[in-house]
PDB file of N, CA and C in Angstrom:
ATOM      1  N   UNK A   1      58.755 -73.667 -78.732  1.00  0.00           N
ATOM      2  CA  UNK A   1      58.405 -73.758 -77.258  1.00  0.00           C
ATOM      3  C   UNK A   1      58.498 -72.260 -76.097  1.00  0.00           C
ATOM      4  N   UNK A   2      57.892 -71.524 -77.063  1.00  0.00           N
ATOM      5  CA  UNK A   2      58.234 -70.239 -75.685  1.00  0.00           C
ATOM      6  C   UNK A   2      56.753 -70.080 -74.970  1.00  0.00           C
ATOM      7  N   UNK A   3      56.300 -70.842 -75.327  1.00  0.00           N
ATOM      8  CA  UNK A   3      54.990 -71.451 -74.772  1.00  0.00           C
ATOM      9  C   UNK A   3      54.586 -71.502 -72.968  1.00  0.00           C
ATOM     10  N   UNK A   4      55.988 -72.902 -73.181  1.00  0.00           N
ATOM     11  CA  UNK A   4      56.545 -72.730 -71.763  1.00  0.00           C
ATOM     12  C   UNK A   4      56.452 -71.816 -70.776  1.00  0.00           C
ATOM     13  N   UNK A   5      56.024 -71.750 -70.011  1.00  0.00           N
ATOM     14  CA  UNK A   5      56.656 -71.351 -68.432  1.00  0.00           C
ATOM     15  C   UNK A   5      57.428 -71.971 -67.365  1.00  0.00           C
ATOM     16  N   UNK A   6      58.481 -71.780 -66.891  1.00  0.00           N
ATOM     17  CA  UNK A   6      59.446 -72.106 -66.412  1.00  0.00           C
ATOM     18  C   UNK A   6      58.666 -72.444 -64.639  1.00  0.00           C
ATOM     19  N   UNK A   7      59.354 -73.448 -64.657  1.00  0.00           N
ATOM     20  CA  UNK A   7      58.401 -74.007 -63.756  1.00  0.00           C
ATOM     21  C   UNK A   7      58.843 -73.362 -62.175  1.00  0.00           C
ATOM     22  N   UNK A   8      60.257 -73.013 -62.517  1.00  0.00           N
ATOM     23  CA  UNK A   8      60.365 -72.192 -60.973  1.00  0.00           C
ATOM     24  C   UNK A   8      60.299 -71.107 -60.822  1.00  0.00           C
ATOM     25  N   UNK A   9      60.153 -70.431 -61.569  1.00  0.00           N
ATOM     26  CA  UNK A   9      59.242 -68.902 -62.397  1.00  0.00           C
ATOM     27  C   UNK A   9      57.655 -69.432 -61.485  1.00  0.00           C
ATOM     28  N   UNK A  10      56.359 -69.541 -61.892  1.00  0.00           N
ATOM     29  CA  UNK A  10      55.852 -70.259 -61.580  1.00  0.00           C
ATOM     30  C   UNK A  10      55.676 -70.457 -59.725  1.00  0.00           C
ATOM     31  N   UNK A  11      56.205 -71.512 -59.679  1.00  0.00           N
ATOM     32  CA  UNK A  11      56.119 -71.854 -57.590  1.00  0.00           C
ATOM     33  C   UNK A  11      56.749 -70.155 -57.700  1.00  0.00           C
ATOM     34  N   UNK A  12      58.047 -69.372 -58.256  1.00  0.00           N
ATOM     35  CA  UNK A  12      57.578 -68.409 -57.166  1.00  0.00           C
ATOM     36  C   UNK A  12      56.786 -67.352 -57.395  1.00  0.00           C
ATOM     37  N   UNK A  13      56.231 -67.220 -58.358  1.00  0.00           N
ATOM     38  CA  UNK A  13      55.000 -65.988 -58.804  1.00  0.00           C
ATOM     39  C   UNK A  13      53.903 -66.883 -57.759  1.00  0.00           C
ATOM     40  N   UNK A  14      54.009 -68.520 -57.244  1.00  0.00           N
ATOM     41  CA  UNK A  14      52.753 -68.990 -56.926  1.00  0.00           C
ATOM     42  C   UNK A  14      52.889 -68.500 -54.705  1.00  0.00           C
ATOM     43  N   UNK A  15      54.116 -68.885 -54.829  1.00  0.00           N
ATOM     44  CA  UNK A  15      54.456 -68.563 -53.551  1.00  0.00           C
ATOM     45  C   UNK A  15      54.493 -67.296 -53.208  1.00  0.00           C
ATOM     46  N   UNK A  16      54.559 -66.003 -54.122  1.00  0.00           N
ATOM     47  CA  UNK A  16      54.816 -64.251 -54.046  1.00  0.00           C
ATOM     48  C   UNK A  16      53.319 -64.733 -53.568  1.00  0.00           C
ATOM     49  N   UNK A  17      52.368 -65.423 -54.505  1.00  0.00           N
ATOM     50  CA  UNK A  17      50.809 -64.787 -53.942  1.00  0.00           C
ATOM     51  C   UNK A  17      50.347 -64.989 -53.000  1.00  0.00           C
ATOM     52  N   UNK A  18      50.162 -66.266 -52.855  1.00  0.00           N
ATOM     53  CA  UNK A  18      49.762 -66.391 -51.415  1.00  0.00           C
ATOM     54  C   UNK A  18      50.188 -65.891 -50.529  1.00  0.00           C
ATOM     55  N   UNK A  19      51.140 -65.868 -50.953  1.00  0.00           N
ATOM     56  CA  UNK A  19      52.317 -64.853 -49.176  1.00  0.00           C
ATOM     57  C   UNK A  19      51.018 -63.610 -49.153  1.00  0.00           C
ATOM     58  N   UNK A  20      50.588 -62.716 -50.438  1.00  0.00           N
ATOM     59  CA  UNK A  20      50.459 -62.018 -50.500  1.00  0.00           C
ATOM     60  C   UNK A  20      48.902 -62.073 -49.699  1.00  0.00           C
ATOM     61  N   UNK A  21      47.999 -62.946 -50.654  1.00  0.00           N
ATOM     62  CA  UNK A  21      46.761 -63.203 -49.822  1.00  0.00           C
ATOM     63  C   UNK A  21      46.644 -64.093 -48.566  1.00  0.00           C
ATOM     64  N   UNK A  22      47.591 -63.898 -47.529  1.00  0.00           N
ATOM     65  CA  UNK A  22      47.821 -64.809 -46.767  1.00  0.00           C
ATOM     66  C   UNK A  22      47.821 -63.230 -45.866  1.00  0.00           C
ATOM     67  N   UNK A  23      48.916 -62.490 -46.688  1.00  0.00           N
ATOM     68  CA  UNK A  23      48.841 -60.865 -45.172  1.00  0.00           C
ATOM     69  C   UNK A  23      48.106 -60.160 -45.879  1.00  0.00           C
ATOM     70  N   UNK A  24      46.773 -60.182 -46.598  1.00  0.00           N
ATOM     71  CA  UNK A  24      45.999 -59.847 -46.358  1.00  0.00           C
ATOM     72  C   UNK A  24      44.747 -59.627 -45.688  1.00  0.00           C
ATOM     73  N   UNK A  25      44.654 -61.766 -45.605  1.00  0.00           N
ATOM     74  CA  UNK A  25      43.527 -61.578 -45.548  1.00  0.00           C
ATOM     75  C   UNK A  25      44.063 -62.056 -43.076  1.00  0.00           C
ATOM     76  N   UNK A  26      45.181 -61.579 -43.508  1.00  0.00           N
ATOM     77  CA  UNK A  26      45.738 -61.320 -41.913  1.00  0.00           C
ATOM     78  C   UNK A  26      44.824 -60.121 -41.824  1.00  0.00           C
ATOM     79  N   UNK A  27      45.250 -58.920 -42.206  1.00  0.00           N
ATOM     80  CA  UNK A  27      45.120 -57.626 -41.808  1.00  0.00           C
ATOM     81  C   UNK A  27      43.798 -57.483 -41.807  1.00  0.00           C
ATOM     82  N   UNK A  28      42.776 -57.938 -42.217  1.00  0.00           N
ATOM     83  CA  UNK A  28      41.514 -57.872 -42.680  1.00  0.00           C
ATOM     84  C   UNK A  28      40.965 -59.047 -41.511  1.00  0.00           C
ATOM     85  N   UNK A  29      41.672 -60.011 -40.401  1.00  0.00           N
ATOM     86  CA  UNK A  29      41.269 -60.411 -39.840  1.00  0.00           C
ATOM     87  C   UNK A  29      42.167 -59.573 -38.700  1.00  0.00           C
ATOM     88  N   UNK A  30      42.349 -58.683 -38.566  1.00  0.00           N
ATOM     89  CA  UNK A  30      43.227 -57.705 -36.899  1.00  0.00           C
ATOM     90  C   UNK A  30      42.779 -56.674 -37.189  1.00  0.00           C
ATOM     91  N   UNK A  31      41.634 -56.330 -38.587  1.00  0.00           N
ATOM     92  CA  UNK A  31      40.447 -55.334 -38.629  1.00  0.00           C
ATOM     93  C   UNK A  31      39.317 -55.365 -37.968  1.00  0.00           C
ATOM     94  N   UNK A  32      38.915 -56.829 -38.439  1.00  0.00           N
ATOM     95  CA  UNK A  32      37.521 -57.466 -37.786  1.00  0.00           C
ATOM     96  C   UNK A  32      38.304 -57.414 -36.466  1.00  0.00           C
ATOM     97  N   UNK A  33      39.142 -58.092 -36.168  1.00  0.00           N
ATOM     98  CA  UNK A  33      39.435 -57.974 -34.647  1.00  0.00           C
ATOM     99  C   UNK A  33      38.754 -56.758 -33.667  1.00  0.00           C
ATOM    100  N   UNK A  34      39.658 -56.016 -33.458  1.00  0.00           N
ATOM    101  CA  UNK A  34      39.602 -54.539 -33.760  1.00  0.00           C
ATOM    102  C   UNK A  34      38.582 -53.776 -33.739  1.00  0.00           C
ATOM    103  N   UNK A  35      37.833 -54.122 -34.869  1.00  0.00           N
ATOM    104  CA  UNK A  35      36.327 -53.717 -34.967  1.00  0.00           C
ATOM    105  C   UNK A  35      35.339 -54.373 -33.489  1.00  0.00           C
ATOM    106  N   UNK A  36      35.433 -55.512 -33.754  1.00  0.00           N
ATOM    107  CA  UNK A  36      34.371 -56.497 -32.867  1.00  0.00           C
ATOM    108  C   UNK A  36      34.590 -55.800 -31.526  1.00  0.00           C
ATOM    109  N   UNK A  37      35.657 -55.478 -31.304  1.00  0.00           N
ATOM    110  CA  UNK A  37      36.281 -55.685 -29.845  1.00  0.00           C
ATOM    111  C   UNK A  37      35.839 -53.961 -29.278  1.00  0.00           C
ATOM    112  N   UNK A  38      35.842 -53.704 -30.150  1.00  0.00           N
ATOM    113  CA  UNK A  38      35.485 -51.346 -30.394  1.00  0.00           C
ATOM    114  C   UNK A  38      33.968 -51.980 -29.650  1.00  0.00           C
ATOM    115  N   UNK A  39      33.236 -52.713 -30.598  1.00  0.00           N
ATOM    116  CA  UNK A  39      31.735 -52.694 -31.199  1.00  0.00           C
ATOM    117  C   UNK A  39      31.708 -53.571 -29.645  1.00  0.00           C
ATOM    118  N   UNK A  40      32.511 -54.627 -29.533  1.00  0.00           N
ATOM    119  CA  UNK A  40      31.866 -54.872 -27.457  1.00  0.00           C
ATOM    120  C   UNK A  40      31.368 -54.112 -26.628  1.00  0.00           C
ATOM    121  N   UNK A  41      32.747 -53.055 -26.704  1.00  0.00           N
ATOM    122  CA  UNK A  41      33.509 -52.467 -25.656  1.00  0.00           C
ATOM    123  C   UNK A  41      31.801 -51.092 -25.521  1.00  0.00           C
ATOM    124  N   UNK A  42      31.658 -50.831 -26.490  1.00  0.00           N
ATOM    125  CA  UNK A  42      30.624 -49.871 -26.991  1.00  0.00           C
ATOM    126  C   UNK A  42      29.310 -50.116 -26.539  1.00  0.00           C
ATOM    127  N   UNK A  43      28.933 -51.354 -26.540  1.00  0.00           N
ATOM    128  CA  UNK A  43      27.848 -52.106 -26.495  1.00  0.00           C
ATOM    129  C   UNK A  43      27.687 -52.277 -24.832  1.00  0.00           C
ATOM    130  N   UNK A  44      29.104 -52.888 -24.345  1.00  0.00           N
ATOM    131  CA  UNK A  44      28.912 -52.390 -22.818  1.00  0.00           C
ATOM    132  C   UNK A  44      28.197 -51.728 -21.828  1.00  0.00           C
ATOM    133  N   UNK A  45      28.874 -50.596 -22.856  1.00  0.00           N
ATOM    134  CA  UNK A  45      28.331 -49.081 -22.024  1.00  0.00           C
ATOM    135  C   UNK A  45      27.180 -48.731 -22.041  1.00  0.00           C
ATOM    136  N   UNK A  46      27.020 -48.956 -23.612  1.00  0.00           N
ATOM    137  CA  UNK A  46      25.408 -48.809 -23.608  1.00  0.00           C
ATOM    138  C   UNK A  46      24.075 -49.980 -22.055  1.00  0.00           C
ATOM    139  N   UNK A  47      25.032 -50.763 -22.480  1.00  0.00           N
ATOM    140  CA  UNK A  47      24.446 -52.022 -21.684  1.00  0.00           C
ATOM    141  C   UNK A  47      24.619 -51.696 -19.672  1.00  0.00           C
ATOM    142  N   UNK A  48      25.594 -51.025 -19.198  1.00  0.00           N
ATOM    143  CA  UNK A  48      25.893 -50.396 -18.162  1.00  0.00           C
ATOM    144  C   UNK A  48      24.987 -48.972 -18.024  1.00  0.00           C
ATOM    145  N   UNK A  49      25.021 -48.199 -18.644  1.00  0.00           N
ATOM    146  CA  UNK A  49      23.888 -46.575 -18.388  1.00  0.00           C
ATOM    147  C   UNK A  49      23.035 -47.401 -17.999  1.00  0.00           C
ATOM    148  N   UNK A  50      21.908 -48.307 -19.179  1.00  0.00           N
ATOM    149  CA  UNK A  50      21.291 -48.980 -19.127  1.00  0.00           C
ATOM    150  C   UNK A  50      20.627 -49.230 -17.778  1.00  0.00           C
ATOM    151  N   UNK A  51      21.510 -50.061 -18.196  1.00  0.00           N
ATOM    152  CA  UNK A  51      21.660 -51.119 -16.181  1.00  0.00           C
ATOM    153  C   UNK A  51      21.209 -49.397 -14.736  1.00  0.00           C
ATOM    154  N   UNK A  52      22.063 -48.694 -14.889  1.00  0.00           N
ATOM    155  CA  UNK A  52      22.552 -48.175 -14.042  1.00  0.00           C
ATOM    156  C   UNK A  52      21.128 -47.100 -13.903  1.00  0.00           C
ATOM    157  N   UNK A  53      20.552 -45.995 -15.174  1.00  0.00           N
ATOM    158  CA  UNK A  53      19.507 -45.652 -15.196  1.00  0.00           C
ATOM    159  C   UNK A  53      17.829 -46.461 -14.751  1.00  0.00           C
ATOM    160  N   UNK A  54      18.199 -47.726 -14.909  1.00  0.00           N
ATOM    161  CA  UNK A  54      16.722 -49.176 -14.832  1.00  0.00           C
ATOM    162  C   UNK A  54      17.239 -49.132 -12.674  1.00  0.00           C
ATOM    163  N   UNK A  55      18.585 -48.979 -12.596  1.00  0.00           N
ATOM    164  CA  UNK A  55      18.276 -48.958 -10.606  1.00  0.00           C
ATOM    165  C   UNK A  55      18.063 -47.734 -10.603  1.00  0.00           C
ATOM    166  N   UNK A  56      18.374 -46.675 -11.400  1.00  0.00           N
ATOM    167  CA  UNK A  56      18.303 -45.529 -10.495  1.00  0.00           C
ATOM    168  C   UNK A  56      15.742 -45.318 -10.674  1.00  0.00           C
ATOM    169  N   UNK A  57      16.097 -45.875 -11.524  1.00  0.00           N
ATOM    170  CA  UNK A  57      14.288 -45.509 -11.788  1.00  0.00           C
ATOM    171  C   UNK A  57      13.703 -46.463 -10.673  1.00  0.00           C
ATOM    172  N   UNK A  58      14.419 -47.533 -10.039  1.00  0.00           N
ATOM    173  CA  UNK A  58      13.405 -48.784  -9.316  1.00  0.00           C
ATOM    174  C   UNK A  58      14.131 -48.107  -7.883  1.00  0.00           C
ATOM    175  N   UNK A  59      15.388 -47.224  -7.505  1.00  0.00           N
ATOM    176  CA  UNK A  59      15.194 -46.716  -5.951  1.00  0.00           C
ATOM    177  C   UNK A  59      14.984 -45.805  -6.235  1.00  0.00           C
ATOM    178  N   UNK A  60      14.226 -44.494  -6.991  1.00  0.00           N
ATOM    179  CA  UNK A  60      13.761 -43.030  -7.026  1.00  0.00           C
ATOM    180  C   UNK A  60      12.379 -43.418  -5.783  1.00  0.00           C
ATOM    181  N   UNK A  61      12.517 -42.199  -5.519  1.00  0.00           N
ATOM    182  CA  UNK A  61      11.149 -43.140  -5.417  1.00  0.00           C
ATOM    183  C   UNK A  61      10.333 -41.391  -5.042  1.00  0.00           C
ATOM    184  N   UNK A  62       8.612 -41.672  -5.183  1.00  0.00           N
ATOM    185  CA  UNK A  62       7.939 -40.798  -6.452  1.00  0.00           C
ATOM    186  C   UNK A  62       7.450 -40.253  -4.844  1.00  0.00           C
ATOM    187  N   UNK A  63       7.058 -38.949  -5.306  1.00  0.00           N
ATOM    188  CA  UNK A  63       6.774 -37.406  -4.284  1.00  0.00           C
ATOM    189  C   UNK A  63       5.771 -38.447  -3.201  1.00  0.00           C
ATOM    190  N   UNK A  64       4.539 -38.965  -4.062  1.00  0.00           N
ATOM    191  CA  UNK A  64       3.114 -39.666  -3.491  1.00  0.00           C
ATOM    192  C   UNK A  64       3.187 -40.208  -2.711  1.00  0.00           C
ATOM    193  N   UNK A  65       4.233 -40.928  -2.876  1.00  0.00           N
ATOM    194  CA  UNK A  65       4.328 -41.869  -1.667  1.00  0.00           C
ATOM    195  C   UNK A  65       5.165 -42.019  -1.248  1.00  0.00           C
ATOM    196  N   UNK A  66       6.183 -40.451  -1.154  1.00  0.00           N
ATOM    197  CA  UNK A  66       6.992 -39.856   0.333  1.00  0.00           C
ATOM    198  C   UNK A  66       6.301 -39.790   0.986  1.00  0.00           C
ATOM    199  N   UNK A  67       5.244 -38.626   0.360  1.00  0.00           N
ATOM    200  CA  UNK A  67       4.421 -37.604   1.171  1.00  0.00           C
ATOM    201  C   UNK A  67       3.305 -38.810   2.514  1.00  0.00           C
ATOM    202  N   UNK A  68       3.492 -39.881   1.514  1.00  0.00           N
ATOM    203  CA  UNK A  68       2.033 -41.078   2.597  1.00  0.00           C
ATOM    204  C   UNK A  68       3.434 -41.784   3.182  1.00  0.00           C
ATOM    205  N   UNK A  69       4.336 -41.880   2.985  1.00  0.00           N
ATOM    206  CA  UNK A  69       5.004 -42.664   4.114  1.00  0.00           C
ATOM    207  C   UNK A  69       4.778 -41.494   4.950  1.00  0.00           C
ATOM    208  N   UNK A  70       5.174 -40.251   5.219  1.00  0.00           N
ATOM    209  CA  UNK A  70       5.852 -39.391   5.932  1.00  0.00           C
ATOM    210  C   UNK A  70       4.361 -38.947   6.894  1.00  0.00           C
ATOM    211  N   UNK A  71       3.257 -39.337   5.984  1.00  0.00           N
ATOM    212  CA  UNK A  71       2.079 -39.210   6.835  1.00  0.00           C
ATOM    213  C   UNK A  71       2.102 -40.287   7.797  1.00  0.00           C
ATOM    214  N   UNK A  72       1.945 -41.607   7.495  1.00  0.00           N
ATOM    215  CA  UNK A  72       1.986 -43.021   8.379  1.00  0.00           C
ATOM    216  C   UNK A  72       3.027 -42.403   9.382  1.00  0.00           C
ATOM    217  N   UNK A  73       3.986 -42.132   9.048  1.00  0.00           N
ATOM    218  CA  UNK A  73       4.916 -42.400  10.653  1.00  0.00           C
ATOM    219  C   UNK A  73       4.472 -41.275  11.452  1.00  0.00           C
ATOM    220  N   UNK A  74       4.313 -39.840  11.202  1.00  0.00           N
ATOM    221  CA  UNK A  74       3.617 -39.218  11.990  1.00  0.00           C
ATOM    222  C   UNK A  74       2.419 -39.645  12.668  1.00  0.00           C
ATOM    223  N   UNK A  75       1.899 -39.807  11.757  1.00  0.00           N
ATOM    224  CA  UNK A  75       0.579 -40.388  12.303  1.00  0.00           C
ATOM    225  C   UNK A  75       1.000 -41.534  13.966  1.00  0.00           C
ATOM    226  N   UNK A  76      -0.150 -41.699  14.997  1.00  0.00           N
ATOM    227  CA  UNK A  76       0.107 -42.190  16.150  1.00  0.00           C
ATOM    228  C   UNK A  76      -0.971 -43.462  15.736  1.00  0.00           C
ATOM    229  N   UNK A  77      -0.560 -44.572  14.520  1.00  0.00           N
ATOM    230  CA  UNK A  77      -1.003 -45.737  14.822  1.00  0.00           C
ATOM    231  C   UNK A  77      -1.621 -46.611  16.318  1.00  0.00           C
ATOM    232  N   UNK A  78      -0.582 -46.693  16.754  1.00  0.00           N
ATOM    233  CA  UNK A  78      -1.124 -47.695  17.930  1.00  0.00           C
ATOM    234  C   UNK A  78      -2.586 -47.244  18.841  1.00  0.00           C
ATOM    235  N   UNK A  79      -2.045 -45.963  18.366  1.00  0.00           N
ATOM    236  CA  UNK A  79      -3.436 -44.677  19.178  1.00  0.00           C
ATOM    237  C   UNK A  79      -4.764 -45.533  18.442  1.00  0.00           C
ATOM    238  N   UNK A  80      -4.241 -45.263  17.657  1.00  0.00           N
ATOM    239  CA  UNK A  80      -5.295 -45.275  16.298  1.00  0.00           C
ATOM    240  C   UNK A  80      -5.965 -47.046  16.595  1.00  0.00           C
ATOM    241  N   UNK A  81      -5.381 -47.605  16.022  1.00  0.00           N
ATOM    242  CA  UNK A  81      -5.610 -49.184  16.866  1.00  0.00           C
ATOM    243  C   UNK A  81      -6.389 -49.330  17.664  1.00  0.00           C
ATOM    244  N   UNK A  82      -5.497 -49.146  19.137  1.00  0.00           N
ATOM    245  CA  UNK A  82      -6.031 -48.960  20.206  1.00  0.00           C
ATOM    246  C   UNK A  82      -7.690 -49.028  19.844  1.00  0.00           C
ATOM    247  N   UNK A  83      -7.496 -47.174  20.218  1.00  0.00           N
ATOM    248  CA  UNK A  83      -9.035 -47.588  20.282  1.00  0.00           C
ATOM    249  C   UNK A  83     -10.323 -48.305  19.376  1.00  0.00           C
ATOM    250  N   UNK A  84      -9.655 -48.251  18.160  1.00  0.00           N
ATOM    251  CA  UNK A  84     -10.771 -49.599  17.049  1.00  0.00           C
ATOM    252  C   UNK A  84     -11.071 -50.864  17.808  1.00  0.00           C
ATOM    253  N   UNK A  85      -9.516 -51.298  18.636  1.00  0.00           N
ATOM    254  CA  UNK A  85      -9.871 -52.611  19.395  1.00  0.00           C
ATOM    255  C   UNK A  85     -10.549 -52.121  20.171  1.00  0.00           C
ATOM    256  N   UNK A  86     -11.279 -50.786  21.255  1.00  0.00           N
ATOM    257  CA  UNK A  86     -12.164 -51.459  22.214  1.00  0.00           C
ATOM    258  C   UNK A  86     -13.448 -50.095  21.549  1.00  0.00           C
ATOM    259  N   UNK A  87     -13.528 -49.711  20.704  1.00  0.00           N
ATOM    260  CA  UNK A  87     -14.709 -49.634  19.919  1.00  0.00           C
ATOM    261  C   UNK A  87     -15.454 -51.131  19.029  1.00  0.00           C
ATOM    262  N   UNK A  88     -14.606 -51.922  19.152  1.00  0.00           N
ATOM    263  CA  UNK A  88     -15.151 -53.414  18.307  1.00  0.00           C
ATOM    264  C   UNK A  88     -15.400 -55.005  19.820  1.00  0.00           C
ATOM    265  N   UNK A  89     -14.350 -54.292  21.043  1.00  0.00           N
ATOM    266  CA  UNK A  89     -15.474 -54.854  21.700  1.00  0.00           C
ATOM    267  C   UNK A  89     -16.168 -54.098  22.465  1.00  0.00           C
ATOM    268  N   UNK A  90     -16.462 -53.680  22.754  1.00  0.00           N
ATOM    269  CA  UNK A  90     -17.438 -52.894  22.873  1.00  0.00           C
ATOM    270  C   UNK A  90     -19.490 -53.151  22.212  1.00  0.00           C
ATOM    271  N   UNK A  91     -18.573 -53.661  20.607  1.00  0.00           N
ATOM    272  CA  UNK A  91     -19.896 -54.044  19.516  1.00  0.00           C
ATOM    273  C   UNK A  91     -20.049 -55.937  19.814  1.00  0.00           C
ATOM    274  N   UNK A  92     -18.931 -56.301  20.657  1.00  0.00           N
ATOM    275  CA  UNK A  92     -19.149 -57.520  20.884  1.00  0.00           C
ATOM    276  C   UNK A  92     -19.470 -57.927  21.881  1.00  0.00           C
ATOM    277  N   UNK A  93     -19.721 -57.344  23.305  1.00  0.00           N
ATOM    278  CA  UNK A  93     -20.045 -57.000  24.363  1.00  0.00           C
ATOM    279  C   UNK A  93     -21.392 -56.849  23.798  1.00  0.00           C
ATOM    280  N   UNK A  94     -22.477 -55.809  23.753  1.00  0.00           N
ATOM    281  CA  UNK A  94     -23.146 -55.605  23.142  1.00  0.00           C
ATOM    282  C   UNK A  94     -24.322 -56.678  22.628  1.00  0.00           C
ATOM    283  N   UNK A  95     -23.491 -57.497  21.245  1.00  0.00           N
ATOM    284  CA  UNK A  95     -24.029 -58.507  20.601  1.00  0.00           C
ATOM    285  C   UNK A  95     -24.315 -59.218  21.218  1.00  0.00           C
ATOM    286  N   UNK A  96     -23.293 -59.505  22.398  1.00  0.00           N
ATOM    287  CA  UNK A  96     -23.247 -60.700  23.173  1.00  0.00           C
ATOM    288  C   UNK A  96     -24.531 -61.175  23.979  1.00  0.00           C
ATOM    289  N   UNK A  97     -24.858 -59.701  24.592  1.00  0.00           N
ATOM    290  CA  UNK A  97     -25.960 -59.521  25.312  1.00  0.00           C
ATOM    291  C   UNK A  97     -27.771 -59.393  24.976  1.00  0.00           C
ATOM    292  N   UNK A  98     -27.208 -58.408  23.787  1.00  0.00           N
ATOM    293  CA  UNK A  98     -28.675 -58.679  22.645  1.00  0.00           C
ATOM    294  C   UNK A  98     -28.901 -60.515  22.956  1.00  0.00           C
ATOM    295  N   UNK A  99     -27.650 -61.581  22.326  1.00  0.00           N
ATOM    296  CA  UNK A  99     -28.222 -62.923  21.807  1.00  0.00           C
ATOM    297  C   UNK A  99     -28.204 -63.777  23.379  1.00  0.00           C
ATOM    298  N   UNK A 100     -28.361 -63.305  24.446  1.00  0.00           N
ATOM    299  CA  UNK A 100     -28.573 -64.267  25.666  1.00  0.00           C
ATOM    300  C   UNK A 100     -29.993 -63.139  26.362  1.00  0.00           C
ATOM    301  N   UNK A 101     -30.373 -62.747  25.437  1.00  0.00           N
ATOM    302  CA  UNK A 101     -31.524 -62.150  26.425  1.00  0.00           C
ATOM    303  C   UNK A 101     -32.615 -62.923  26.280  1.00  0.00           C
ATOM    304  N   UNK A 102     -33.290 -63.392  27.208  1.00  0.00           N
ATOM    305  CA  UNK A 102     -34.742 -63.957  26.735  1.00  0.00           C
ATOM    306  C   UNK A 102     -35.682 -63.529  25.606  1.00  0.00           C
ATOM    307  N   UNK A 103     -36.067 -64.568  25.046  1.00  0.00           N
ATOM    308  CA  UNK A 103     -37.191 -63.471  24.875  1.00  0.00           C
ATOM    309  C   UNK A 103     -38.520 -62.868  25.628  1.00  0.00           C
ATOM    310  N   UNK A 104     -39.500 -61.937  25.060  1.00  0.00           N
ATOM    311  CA  UNK A 104     -39.745 -61.928  26.292  1.00  0.00           C
ATOM    312  C   UNK A 104     -41.598 -62.373  25.780  1.00  0.00           C
ATOM    313  N   UNK A 105     -41.971 -63.141  27.116  1.00  0.00           N
ATOM    314  CA  UNK A 105     -43.548 -62.941  27.173  1.00  0.00           C
ATOM    315  C   UNK A 105     -43.909 -62.641  27.024  1.00  0.00           C
ATOM    316  N   UNK A 106     -45.257 -62.042  26.744  1.00  0.00           N
ATOM    317  CA  UNK A 106     -46.883 -61.724  27.135  1.00  0.00           C
ATOM    318  C   UNK A 106     -47.563 -62.283  28.527  1.00  0.00           C
TER     319      UNK A 106
END
């Protein structure tokens, strides 16, 4: 009868094993949560840096575009449009006069 284990010893070992497994799982879960939090913080920093770089690139002015804007602001656009308008009006007057002239009859 030496083969039979004491039930109290089996229960004590089972409880001790469950406590050990629970402690290991709890520790591993804590490590995973810590690693996940650290990973998310790193990804957040990368995302913020990428977004800032994108915004700076969008707001950055191309040198050629800046020169074109400066030339437009320096030119007297109103005067140029006025001259163009008077030329168009003159052409319209000539066209109207040519359309109203009766044909020459021999």
